[in-house]
């Protein structure tokens, strides 16, 4: 399994508060060993955006969400975004998944 972090996500992680920044970095690295940790859940993806063999997930870390996909065919984990919830409500999920 390989890990890809979108360039914009690197900036999003750098802008996080101190201890959360470190927690998110470690959690992202740990996805390589366990792409479905206990704090993660699959995301409901609209049928027009669903891609066979690609699983969209979110990792919950307090008020923060790490949005990522697991591509089984390419053996790749792609981290798409880090968002604060609330107010984040996954409205940009289509844009994030559209870049796949």
Foldseek 3Di string as FASTA:
>chain_A
DEEAEPPVAVVVLVPDPDVVSVVVVVVSVCCLVPVADPQKDWDDDPPVLDDPQKTWMWGDDPQKIFTWIQRRVVRYIYTQHIDGPVVDDCPCVSVSSVVD
